[in-house]
Amino acid sequence: MKIALHNELPGEAQFQQLIDSVSERTGERRPLAYEALCDGGPVIAAYDQGVLVGLGRLVSDGIGQQAFECKIKPGYERREIEAYMRKLLAVSPVPSHCHC
């Protein structure tokens, strides 16, 4: 299957499903909140047949530097989704979507 990458926020329900699956696997106690995502910088959402399987974003450190943050659904880690999102977020402007 091809993964579709979009530079738009996912719906809150899809976002929560992704975060729940990632948190369950990693044991993360303070997962990313949807509000923080909405207030942040550029976002790339990865979909497999309409299901959100990954989310990447640039996060500002407050002093002009940006860090890449990524959440990938279990079972999709080895599909190079993170690498594609990182590349798309590194260029400006981010294209509206692509398929990899």
Protein backbone atom coordinates (compact mmCIF):
# COMPACT_ATOMS: atom_id res chain seq x y z
CA MET A 1 0.00 0.00 0.00
CA LYS A 2 1.06 3.55 -0.66
CA ILE A 3 1.15 5.99 2.20
CA ALA A 4 -0.37 9.41 1.44
CA LEU A 5 1.29 12.41 3.09
CA HIS A 6 -0.71 15.60 3.68
CA ASN A 7 0.32 18.91 5.21
CA GLU A 8 -2.85 19.37 7.21
CA LEU A 9 -4.03 18.59 10.70
CA PRO A 10 -5.80 15.26 11.05
CA GLY A 11 -9.21 15.08 12.68
CA GLU A 12 -9.15 14.95 16.47
CA ALA A 13 -10.59 11.41 16.62
CA GLN A 14 -7.96 10.02 14.22
CA PHE A 15 -5.25 11.90 16.09
CA GLN A 16 -6.36 10.40 19.41
CA GLN A 17 -6.40 6.87 17.97
CA LEU A 18 -2.82 7.31 16.73
CA ILE A 19 -1.60 8.75 20.03
CA ASP A 20 -3.33 5.98 22.01
CA SER A 21 -1.70 3.25 19.89
CA VAL A 22 1.75 4.87 20.15
CA SER A 23 1.40 5.50 23.90
CA GLU A 24 0.27 1.92 24.49
CA ARG A 25 3.37 0.59 22.75
CA THR A 26 5.87 3.02 24.31
CA GLY A 27 4.29 3.52 27.72
CA GLU A 28 4.45 7.29 27.23
CA ARG A 29 2.66 8.95 30.14
CA ARG A 30 2.29 12.48 28.76
CA PRO A 31 1.30 12.07 25.13
CA LEU A 32 0.97 14.97 22.74
CA ALA A 33 -2.29 16.90 23.15
CA TYR A 34 -4.39 17.83 20.12
CA GLU A 35 -4.47 21.47 21.24
CA ALA A 36 -0.66 21.59 21.21
CA LEU A 37 -0.68 20.21 17.69
CA CYS A 38 -3.18 22.86 16.55
CA ASP A 39 -1.11 25.67 18.06
CA GLY A 40 2.21 24.41 16.73
CA GLY A 41 4.12 24.72 13.48
CA PRO A 42 3.92 22.79 10.23
CA VAL A 43 2.44 19.28 10.33
CA ILE A 44 2.62 16.30 7.98
CA ALA A 45 -0.01 13.58 8.45
CA ALA A 46 0.51 10.10 6.94
CA TYR A 47 -2.49 8.01 5.90
CA ASP A 48 -2.88 4.42 4.78
CA GLN A 49 -6.21 4.12 2.96
CA GLY A 50 -7.67 6.98 4.99
CA VAL A 51 -6.36 5.76 8.37
CA LEU A 52 -3.88 8.05 10.16
CA VAL A 53 -0.66 6.06 10.64
CA GLY A 54 1.85 8.81 11.30
CA LEU A 55 2.26 12.42 12.27
CA GLY A 56 5.33 14.62 12.01
CA ARG A 57 5.79 18.23 13.01
CA LEU A 58 8.36 20.91 13.62
CA VAL A 59 8.52 22.18 17.18
CA SER A 60 10.13 25.51 18.05
CA ASP A 61 12.42 25.64 21.07
CA GLY A 62 11.64 29.31 21.63
CA ILE A 63 15.08 30.56 20.58
CA GLY A 64 14.79 30.14 16.83
CA GLN A 65 15.65 26.47 16.50
CA GLN A 66 13.19 23.82 15.36
CA ALA A 67 13.17 20.14 16.25
CA PHE A 68 11.39 17.34 14.38
CA GLU A 69 8.86 15.30 16.37
CA CYS A 70 7.22 12.20 14.96
CA LYS A 71 4.63 9.61 16.02
CA ILE A 72 4.27 6.45 13.92
CA LYS A 73 1.60 3.79 14.48
CA PRO A 74 2.97 0.39 15.51
CA GLY A 75 3.52 -1.80 12.46
CA TYR A 76 4.45 1.14 10.22
CA GLU A 77 7.84 2.00 11.72
CA ARG A 78 9.93 0.37 8.98
CA ARG A 79 8.16 2.00 6.02
CA GLU A 80 10.37 5.14 5.90
CA ILE A 81 7.39 7.35 6.73
CA GLU A 82 9.43 9.33 9.24
CA ALA A 83 12.16 10.01 6.66
CA TYR A 84 9.66 11.29 4.08
CA MET A 85 7.95 13.53 6.64
CA ARG A 86 11.29 14.92 7.79
CA LYS A 87 12.26 15.75 4.18
CA LEU A 88 8.93 17.44 3.44
CA LEU A 89 9.08 19.54 6.60
CA ALA A 90 12.66 20.56 5.78
CA VAL A 91 11.59 22.29 2.56
CA SER A 92 9.47 25.39 2.28
CA PRO A 93 6.70 25.62 1.34
CA VAL A 94 5.41 22.14 2.17
CA PRO A 95 3.51 20.63 -0.77
CA SER A 96 -0.17 19.95 -0.15
CA HIS A 97 0.26 16.19 -0.47
CA CYS A 98 2.36 13.46 -2.01
CA HIS A 99 2.34 9.67 -2.17
CA CYS A 100 5.29 7.51 -1.24
